Amino acid sequence: MAASGVAGNETLSQQAAGFLKAGEADTAQAALIKKQLLDQWLLDQKIKQLRAKGANAAQIQTLQIQHNMRKRDEDKKLQETISKQQRAIVDVIRQTTDNAQAQPIVANMLAQSNPGLDASQIQARTNVLTSRWYRSYLSFDPQLELGKVKSPVLLVHGTDDNQVSINNMSLLERGLKSKGNKLVETRRLSGINHQFQPPATEWPLMGGEPKPVLSPLVQQTILDWINLRVAK
């Protein structure tokens, strides 16, 4: 079950796919995965070339480290750009309570940051972002409710999750423990994305193409936790 430890406005400002519908978010995720697979293929080709030229293990490792560092920097810059754009839109929605005034501004901002969307898509997105439910969620603070949870909780977060801030887990943990719940545990899993999938390069081949699966590491982590709770 998904959960957020920060207020709604912060959650939606930080999500890379915060303003996308379900199908559009899936498409964006698929495009990201294709890029990751291409990047890995290019890296593999470069490694093969270096080995053919006599490169040793240390040189190969250096190349891989440099590649991973560049990727992290690129991902961080992209996330910062997206968050800045989304935070600006969220601020307009929160500060402009009259939809007659807010909608034209939001529509213009969406059009500038999403040039691939047509006018009808922009308007549909604008209607959602200025709806009563959306406005209500922007002001929702889960910290006020998390302390009421008394049952055991396992919080799992993947280091490759680009839709939820890494700070979310610590905020959830703090809120859940605020009223004395000592049955809260956390696990941060390396290489796992928002869908609890392993890196695309580790996906099994089905029909000659890599297909997403629930990470075995996630499955084992949850199973171990359940078994431990049952044993107690």
C-alpha atoms as a PDB file:
ATOM      1  CA  MET A   1       0.000   0.000   0.000  1.00  0.00           C
ATOM      2  CA  ALA A   2       1.359   3.419  -0.939  1.00  0.00           C
ATOM      3  CA  ALA A   3       1.692   6.069   1.743  1.00  0.00           C
ATOM      4  CA  SER A   4       2.952   9.616   2.099  1.00  0.00           C
ATOM      5  CA  GLY A   5       4.448  11.315   5.109  1.00  0.00           C
ATOM      6  CA  VAL A   6       4.351  14.843   3.686  1.00  0.00           C
ATOM      7  CA  ALA A   7       1.499  17.235   2.964  1.00  0.00           C
ATOM      8  CA  GLY A   8      -0.323  16.835  -0.325  1.00  0.00           C
ATOM      9  CA  ASN A   9       1.201  19.917  -1.931  1.00  0.00           C
ATOM     10  CA  GLU A  10       4.718  18.594  -1.241  1.00  0.00           C
ATOM     11  CA  THR A  11       3.876  15.111  -2.520  1.00  0.00           C
ATOM     12  CA  LEU A  12       2.523  16.370  -5.834  1.00  0.00           C
ATOM     13  CA  SER A  13       5.362  18.851  -6.284  1.00  0.00           C
ATOM     14  CA  GLN A  14       7.997  16.137  -5.902  1.00  0.00           C
ATOM     15  CA  GLN A  15       6.528  13.388  -8.064  1.00  0.00           C
ATOM     16  CA  ALA A  16       8.093  13.111 -11.502  1.00  0.00           C
ATOM     17  CA  ALA A  17       4.714  11.991 -12.877  1.00  0.00           C
ATOM     18  CA  GLY A  18       2.659  14.117 -10.512  1.00  0.00           C
ATOM     19  CA  PHE A  19       0.458  15.701 -13.171  1.00  0.00           C
ATOM     20  CA  LEU A  20       0.068  12.661 -15.419  1.00  0.00           C
ATOM     21  CA  LYS A  21      -2.963  10.398 -15.631  1.00  0.00           C
ATOM     22  CA  ALA A  22      -2.486   6.683 -14.945  1.00  0.00           C
ATOM     23  CA  GLY A  23      -2.022   5.687 -18.591  1.00  0.00           C
ATOM     24  CA  GLU A  24       0.243   8.639 -19.307  1.00  0.00           C
ATOM     25  CA  ALA A  25       2.345   7.865 -16.243  1.00  0.00           C
ATOM     26  CA  ASP A  26       2.729   4.283 -17.449  1.00  0.00           C
ATOM     27  CA  THR A  27       3.810   5.545 -20.880  1.00  0.00           C
ATOM     28  CA  ALA A  28       6.344   7.885 -19.294  1.00  0.00           C
ATOM     29  CA  GLN A  29       7.668   5.030 -17.161  1.00  0.00           C
ATOM     30  CA  ALA A  30       7.963   2.798 -20.236  1.00  0.00           C
ATOM     31  CA  ALA A  31       9.922   5.505 -22.058  1.00  0.00           C
ATOM     32  CA  LEU A  32      12.244   5.859 -19.075  1.00  0.00           C
ATOM     33  CA  ILE A  33      12.832   2.111 -18.996  1.00  0.00           C
ATOM     34  CA  LYS A  34      13.646   2.047 -22.713  1.00  0.00           C
ATOM     35  CA  LYS A  35      16.184   4.803 -22.144  1.00  0.00           C
ATOM     36  CA  GLN A  36      17.739   2.857 -19.267  1.00  0.00           C
ATOM     37  CA  LEU A  37      18.038  -0.258 -21.419  1.00  0.00           C
ATOM     38  CA  LEU A  38      19.597   1.747 -24.249  1.00  0.00           C
ATOM     39  CA  ASP A  39      22.049   3.402 -21.858  1.00  0.00           C
ATOM     40  CA  GLN A  40      23.052   0.000 -20.489  1.00  0.00           C
ATOM     41  CA  TRP A  41      23.459  -1.422 -23.999  1.00  0.00           C
ATOM     42  CA  LEU A  42      25.694   1.494 -24.998  1.00  0.00           C
ATOM     43  CA  LEU A  43      27.746   1.013 -21.840  1.00  0.00           C
ATOM     44  CA  ASP A  44      28.104  -2.708 -22.562  1.00  0.00           C
ATOM     45  CA  GLN A  45      29.296  -1.931 -26.093  1.00  0.00           C
ATOM     46  CA  LYS A  46      31.869   0.512 -24.777  1.00  0.00           C
ATOM     47  CA  ILE A  47      33.096  -2.056 -22.258  1.00  0.00           C
ATOM     48  CA  LYS A  48      33.486  -4.634 -25.037  1.00  0.00           C
ATOM     49  CA  GLN A  49      35.508  -2.140 -27.064  1.00  0.00           C
ATOM     50  CA  LEU A  50      37.789  -1.378 -24.117  1.00  0.00           C
ATOM     51  CA  ARG A  51      38.327  -5.063 -23.409  1.00  0.00           C
ATOM     52  CA  ALA A  52      39.167  -5.656 -27.064  1.00  0.00           C
ATOM     53  CA  LYS A  53      41.835  -2.965 -26.705  1.00  0.00           C
ATOM     54  CA  GLY A  54      43.283  -4.679 -23.638  1.00  0.00           C
ATOM     55  CA  ALA A  55      41.678  -2.685 -20.810  1.00  0.00           C
ATOM     56  CA  ASN A  56      42.073  -4.257 -17.364  1.00  0.00           C
ATOM     57  CA  ALA A  57      39.412  -4.797 -14.665  1.00  0.00           C
ATOM     58  CA  ALA A  58      40.258  -1.549 -12.862  1.00  0.00           C
ATOM     59  CA  GLN A  59      39.758   0.505 -16.037  1.00  0.00           C
ATOM     60  CA  ILE A  60      36.417  -1.197 -16.708  1.00  0.00           C
ATOM     61  CA  GLN A  61      35.300  -0.527 -13.149  1.00  0.00           C
ATOM     62  CA  THR A  62      36.290   3.137 -13.454  1.00  0.00           C
ATOM     63  CA  LEU A  63      34.178   3.452 -16.598  1.00  0.00           C
ATOM     64  CA  GLN A  64      31.171   1.908 -14.849  1.00  0.00           C
ATOM     65  CA  ILE A  65      31.546   4.181 -11.824  1.00  0.00           C
ATOM     66  CA  GLN A  66      31.781   7.277 -14.036  1.00  0.00           C
ATOM     67  CA  HIS A  67      28.733   6.148 -16.012  1.00  0.00           C
ATOM     68  CA  ASN A  68      26.675   5.642 -12.833  1.00  0.00           C
ATOM     69  CA  MET A  69      27.728   9.021 -11.446  1.00  0.00           C
ATOM     70  CA  ARG A  70      26.708  10.791 -14.666  1.00  0.00           C
ATOM     71  CA  LYS A  71      23.365   8.985 -14.630  1.00  0.00           C
ATOM     72  CA  ARG A  72      22.667  10.014 -11.030  1.00  0.00           C
ATOM     73  CA  ASP A  73      23.560  13.628 -11.815  1.00  0.00           C
ATOM     74  CA  GLU A  74      21.306  13.640 -14.893  1.00  0.00           C
ATOM     75  CA  ASP A  75      18.411  12.092 -12.956  1.00  0.00           C
ATOM     76  CA  LYS A  76      18.845  14.598 -10.132  1.00  0.00           C
ATOM     77  CA  LYS A  77      18.850  17.592 -12.487  1.00  0.00           C
ATOM     78  CA  LEU A  78      15.777  16.286 -14.313  1.00  0.00           C
ATOM     79  CA  GLN A  79      13.911  15.743 -11.040  1.00  0.00           C
ATOM     80  CA  GLU A  80      14.827  19.240  -9.838  1.00  0.00           C
ATOM     81  CA  THR A  81      13.539  20.770 -13.083  1.00  0.00           C
ATOM     82  CA  ILE A  82      10.267  18.843 -12.926  1.00  0.00           C
ATOM     83  CA  SER A  83       9.758  19.646  -9.238  1.00  0.00           C
ATOM     84  CA  LYS A  84      10.352  23.348  -9.870  1.00  0.00           C
ATOM     85  CA  GLN A  85       7.738  23.396 -12.640  1.00  0.00           C
ATOM     86  CA  GLN A  86       5.203  21.430 -10.623  1.00  0.00           C
ATOM     87  CA  ARG A  87       5.724  23.448  -7.461  1.00  0.00           C
ATOM     88  CA  ALA A  88       5.014  26.646  -9.404  1.00  0.00           C
ATOM     89  CA  ILE A  89       1.715  25.199 -10.657  1.00  0.00           C
ATOM     90  CA  VAL A  90       0.784  23.950  -7.185  1.00  0.00           C
ATOM     91  CA  ASP A  91       1.479  27.394  -5.719  1.00  0.00           C
ATOM     92  CA  VAL A  92      -0.832  29.031  -8.265  1.00  0.00           C
ATOM     93  CA  ILE A  93      -3.629  26.567  -7.459  1.00  0.00           C
ATOM     94  CA  ARG A  94      -3.260  27.072  -3.704  1.00  0.00           C
ATOM     95  CA  GLN A  95      -3.051  30.849  -3.878  1.00  0.00           C
ATOM     96  CA  THR A  96      -5.768  31.412  -6.493  1.00  0.00           C
ATOM     97  CA  THR A  97      -9.022  30.066  -5.079  1.00  0.00           C
ATOM     98  CA  ASP A  98     -11.202  31.346  -7.938  1.00  0.00           C
ATOM     99  CA  ASN A  99     -11.078  28.780 -10.750  1.00  0.00           C
ATOM    100  CA  ALA A 100     -12.042  31.402 -13.317  1.00  0.00           C
ATOM    101  CA  GLN A 101      -8.716  33.071 -12.551  1.00  0.00           C
ATOM    102  CA  ALA A 102      -6.652  29.969 -11.760  1.00  0.00           C
ATOM    103  CA  GLN A 103      -7.515  27.814 -14.780  1.00  0.00           C
ATOM    104  CA  PRO A 104      -6.129  30.091 -17.545  1.00  0.00           C
ATOM    105  CA  ILE A 105      -2.865  30.481 -15.616  1.00  0.00           C
ATOM    106  CA  VAL A 106      -2.536  26.754 -14.924  1.00  0.00           C
ATOM    107  CA  ALA A 107      -3.396  25.880 -18.535  1.00  0.00           C
ATOM    108  CA  ASN A 108      -0.708  28.233 -19.823  1.00  0.00           C
ATOM    109  CA  MET A 109       1.909  26.799 -17.452  1.00  0.00           C
ATOM    110  CA  LEU A 110       0.989  23.230 -18.436  1.00  0.00           C
ATOM    111  CA  ALA A 111       1.221  24.081 -22.130  1.00  0.00           C
ATOM    112  CA  GLN A 112       4.704  25.538 -21.666  1.00  0.00           C
ATOM    113  CA  SER A 113       6.029  22.551 -19.695  1.00  0.00           C
ATOM    114  CA  ASN A 114       4.214  19.909 -21.793  1.00  0.00           C
ATOM    115  CA  PRO A 115       4.519  20.940 -25.472  1.00  0.00           C
ATOM    116  CA  GLY A 116       3.397  17.484 -26.585  1.00  0.00           C
ATOM    117  CA  LEU A 117      -0.136  17.914 -25.210  1.00  0.00           C
ATOM    118  CA  ASP A 118      -2.952  19.321 -27.359  1.00  0.00           C
ATOM    119  CA  ALA A 119      -5.502  21.909 -26.196  1.00  0.00           C
ATOM    120  CA  SER A 120      -8.108  19.345 -25.105  1.00  0.00           C
ATOM    121  CA  GLN A 121      -5.547  17.451 -23.019  1.00  0.00           C
ATOM    122  CA  ILE A 122      -4.343  20.671 -21.412  1.00  0.00           C
ATOM    123  CA  GLN A 123      -7.907  21.647 -20.502  1.00  0.00           C
ATOM    124  CA  ALA A 124      -8.715  18.198 -19.126  1.00  0.00           C
ATOM    125  CA  ARG A 125      -5.566  18.281 -16.983  1.00  0.00           C
ATOM    126  CA  THR A 126      -6.376  21.804 -15.814  1.00  0.00           C
ATOM    127  CA  ASN A 127      -9.874  20.745 -14.754  1.00  0.00           C
ATOM    128  CA  VAL A 128      -8.431  17.945 -12.633  1.00  0.00           C
ATOM    129  CA  LEU A 129      -5.771  20.132 -11.026  1.00  0.00           C
ATOM    130  CA  THR A 130      -8.312  22.774 -10.005  1.00  0.00           C
ATOM    131  CA  SER A 131     -11.008  20.334  -8.867  1.00  0.00           C
ATOM    132  CA  ARG A 132     -12.360  20.351  -5.321  1.00  0.00           C
ATOM    133  CA  TRP A 133     -10.735  16.986  -4.535  1.00  0.00           C
ATOM    134  CA  TYR A 134      -7.335  18.105  -5.787  1.00  0.00           C
ATOM    135  CA  ARG A 135      -7.466  21.351  -3.823  1.00  0.00           C
ATOM    136  CA  SER A 136      -8.449  19.397  -0.716  1.00  0.00           C
ATOM    137  CA  TYR A 137      -5.539  16.995  -1.155  1.00  0.00           C
ATOM    138  CA  LEU A 138      -3.063  19.862  -1.471  1.00  0.00           C
ATOM    139  CA  SER A 139      -3.872  20.926   2.095  1.00  0.00           C
ATOM    140  CA  PHE A 140      -4.009  17.409   3.581  1.00  0.00           C
ATOM    141  CA  ASP A 141      -1.338  16.691   6.215  1.00  0.00           C
ATOM    142  CA  PRO A 142      -0.933  12.954   6.950  1.00  0.00           C
ATOM    143  CA  GLN A 143       1.217  13.633  10.016  1.00  0.00           C
ATOM    144  CA  LEU A 144      -1.976  14.455  11.926  1.00  0.00           C
ATOM    145  CA  GLU A 145      -3.330  10.931  11.326  1.00  0.00           C
ATOM    146  CA  LEU A 146      -0.283   8.646  11.210  1.00  0.00           C
ATOM    147  CA  GLY A 147       0.058   8.492  14.990  1.00  0.00           C
ATOM    148  CA  LYS A 148      -3.325   6.744  15.211  1.00  0.00           C
ATOM    149  CA  VAL A 149      -1.901   3.600  13.564  1.00  0.00           C
ATOM    150  CA  LYS A 150      -1.190   0.953  16.223  1.00  0.00           C
ATOM    151  CA  SER A 151      -0.559  -2.139  14.083  1.00  0.00           C
ATOM    152  CA  PRO A 152       2.852  -3.408  12.879  1.00  0.00           C
ATOM    153  CA  VAL A 153       4.085  -1.526   9.800  1.00  0.00           C
ATOM    154  CA  LEU A 154       6.861  -2.272   7.318  1.00  0.00           C
ATOM    155  CA  LEU A 155       7.977   0.739   5.267  1.00  0.00           C
ATOM    156  CA  VAL A 156       9.754  -0.134   2.018  1.00  0.00           C
ATOM    157  CA  HIS A 157      11.391   2.381  -0.311  1.00  0.00           C
ATOM    158  CA  GLY A 158      13.486   1.786  -3.412  1.00  0.00           C
ATOM    159  CA  THR A 159      16.581   3.878  -4.060  1.00  0.00           C
ATOM    160  CA  ASP A 160      15.590   4.186  -7.747  1.00  0.00           C
ATOM    161  CA  ASP A 161      12.096   5.510  -6.969  1.00  0.00           C
ATOM    162  CA  ASN A 162      11.788   8.712  -9.014  1.00  0.00           C
ATOM    163  CA  GLN A 163       8.187   9.439  -8.005  1.00  0.00           C
ATOM    164  CA  VAL A 164       8.514   9.681  -4.229  1.00  0.00           C
ATOM    165  CA  SER A 165      11.164  11.652  -2.365  1.00  0.00           C
ATOM    166  CA  ILE A 166      13.680   9.674  -0.344  1.00  0.00           C
ATOM    167  CA  ASN A 167      12.653  11.817   2.654  1.00  0.00           C
ATOM    168  CA  ASN A 168       9.167  10.292   2.596  1.00  0.00           C
ATOM    169  CA  MET A 169      10.199   7.182   4.515  1.00  0.00           C
ATOM    170  CA  SER A 170      11.717   9.058   7.453  1.00  0.00           C
ATOM    171  CA  LEU A 171       8.664  11.320   7.672  1.00  0.00           C
ATOM    172  CA  LEU A 172       6.326   8.321   7.628  1.00  0.00           C
ATOM    173  CA  GLU A 173       8.400   6.616  10.295  1.00  0.00           C
ATOM    174  CA  ARG A 174       8.341   9.708  12.488  1.00  0.00           C
ATOM    175  CA  GLY A 175       4.580  10.115  12.135  1.00  0.00           C
ATOM    176  CA  LEU A 176       3.816   6.446  12.784  1.00  0.00           C
ATOM    177  CA  LYS A 177       6.001   6.423  15.910  1.00  0.00           C
ATOM    178  CA  SER A 178       4.757   9.779  17.219  1.00  0.00           C
ATOM    179  CA  LYS A 179       2.158   8.182  19.540  1.00  0.00           C
ATOM    180  CA  GLY A 180       4.336   5.326  20.761  1.00  0.00           C
ATOM    181  CA  ASN A 181       3.997   2.669  18.056  1.00  0.00           C
ATOM    182  CA  LYS A 182       7.171   0.576  18.423  1.00  0.00           C
ATOM    183  CA  LEU A 183       6.181  -1.895  15.702  1.00  0.00           C
ATOM    184  CA  VAL A 184       7.391   0.223  12.779  1.00  0.00           C
ATOM    185  CA  GLU A 185      10.327  -1.017  10.684  1.00  0.00           C
ATOM    186  CA  THR A 186      11.965   0.394   7.563  1.00  0.00           C
ATOM    187  CA  ARG A 187      13.801  -1.113   4.605  1.00  0.00           C
ATOM    188  CA  ARG A 188      15.516   0.899   1.866  1.00  0.00           C
ATOM    189  CA  LEU A 189      16.246  -1.395  -1.072  1.00  0.00           C
ATOM    190  CA  SER A 190      19.015  -0.662  -3.563  1.00  0.00           C
ATOM    191  CA  GLY A 191      18.107  -0.478  -7.256  1.00  0.00           C
ATOM    192  CA  ILE A 192      14.338  -0.809  -6.731  1.00  0.00           C
ATOM    193  CA  ASN A 193      11.950   1.614  -8.478  1.00  0.00           C
ATOM    194  CA  HIS A 194       8.505   2.995  -7.597  1.00  0.00           C
ATOM    195  CA  GLN A 195       6.754  -0.155  -8.864  1.00  0.00           C
ATOM    196  CA  PHE A 196       9.038  -2.337  -6.705  1.00  0.00           C
ATOM    197  CA  GLN A 197      10.771  -3.605  -9.834  1.00  0.00           C
ATOM    198  CA  PRO A 198      14.504  -4.353 -10.107  1.00  0.00           C
ATOM    199  CA  PRO A 199      16.701  -2.475 -12.619  1.00  0.00           C
ATOM    200  CA  ALA A 200      15.481  -3.043 -16.183  1.00  0.00           C
ATOM    201  CA  THR A 201      18.768  -4.773 -16.984  1.00  0.00           C
ATOM    202  CA  GLU A 202      17.788  -7.532 -14.527  1.00  0.00           C
ATOM    203  CA  TRP A 203      14.341  -8.217 -15.991  1.00  0.00           C
ATOM    204  CA  PRO A 204      13.731 -11.711 -17.384  1.00  0.00           C
ATOM    205  CA  LEU A 205      13.414 -12.135 -21.147  1.00  0.00           C
ATOM    206  CA  MET A 206       9.949 -13.127 -22.360  1.00  0.00           C
ATOM    207  CA  GLY A 207       9.432 -13.481 -26.082  1.00  0.00           C
ATOM    208  CA  GLY A 208      12.886 -12.046 -26.613  1.00  0.00           C
ATOM    209  CA  GLU A 209      12.099  -8.828 -24.709  1.00  0.00           C
ATOM    210  CA  PRO A 210      12.777  -7.861 -21.080  1.00  0.00           C
ATOM    211  CA  LYS A 211       9.559  -7.785 -19.041  1.00  0.00           C
ATOM    212  CA  PRO A 212       9.003  -6.090 -15.662  1.00  0.00           C
ATOM    213  CA  VAL A 213       8.576  -8.280 -12.591  1.00  0.00           C
ATOM    214  CA  LEU A 214       8.136  -7.701  -8.891  1.00  0.00           C
ATOM    215  CA  SER A 215      11.639  -7.673  -7.457  1.00  0.00           C
ATOM    216  CA  PRO A 216      12.605 -10.952  -5.748  1.00  0.00           C
ATOM    217  CA  LEU A 217      14.404  -8.798  -3.173  1.00  0.00           C
ATOM    218  CA  VAL A 218      11.142  -7.004  -2.352  1.00  0.00           C
ATOM    219  CA  GLN A 219       9.257 -10.291  -2.117  1.00  0.00           C
ATOM    220  CA  GLN A 220      11.837 -11.818   0.207  1.00  0.00           C
ATOM    221  CA  THR A 221      11.997  -8.675   2.353  1.00  0.00           C
ATOM    222  CA  ILE A 222       8.233  -8.674   2.886  1.00  0.00           C
ATOM    223  CA  LEU A 223       8.113 -12.443   3.472  1.00  0.00           C
ATOM    224  CA  ASP A 224      10.910 -12.293   6.045  1.00  0.00           C
ATOM    225  CA  TRP A 225       9.135  -9.473   7.879  1.00  0.00           C
ATOM    226  CA  ILE A 226       5.806 -11.340   7.929  1.00  0.00           C
ATOM    227  CA  ASN A 227       7.462 -14.517   9.195  1.00  0.00           C
ATOM    228  CA  LEU A 228       9.206 -12.538  11.920  1.00  0.00           C
ATOM    229  CA  ARG A 229       5.935 -10.910  12.991  1.00  0.00           C
ATOM    230  CA  VAL A 230       4.124 -14.266  13.041  1.00  0.00           C
ATOM    231  CA  ALA A 231       6.914 -15.821  15.104  1.00  0.00           C
ATOM    232  CA  LYS A 232       6.502 -13.119  17.730  1.00  0.00           C
END
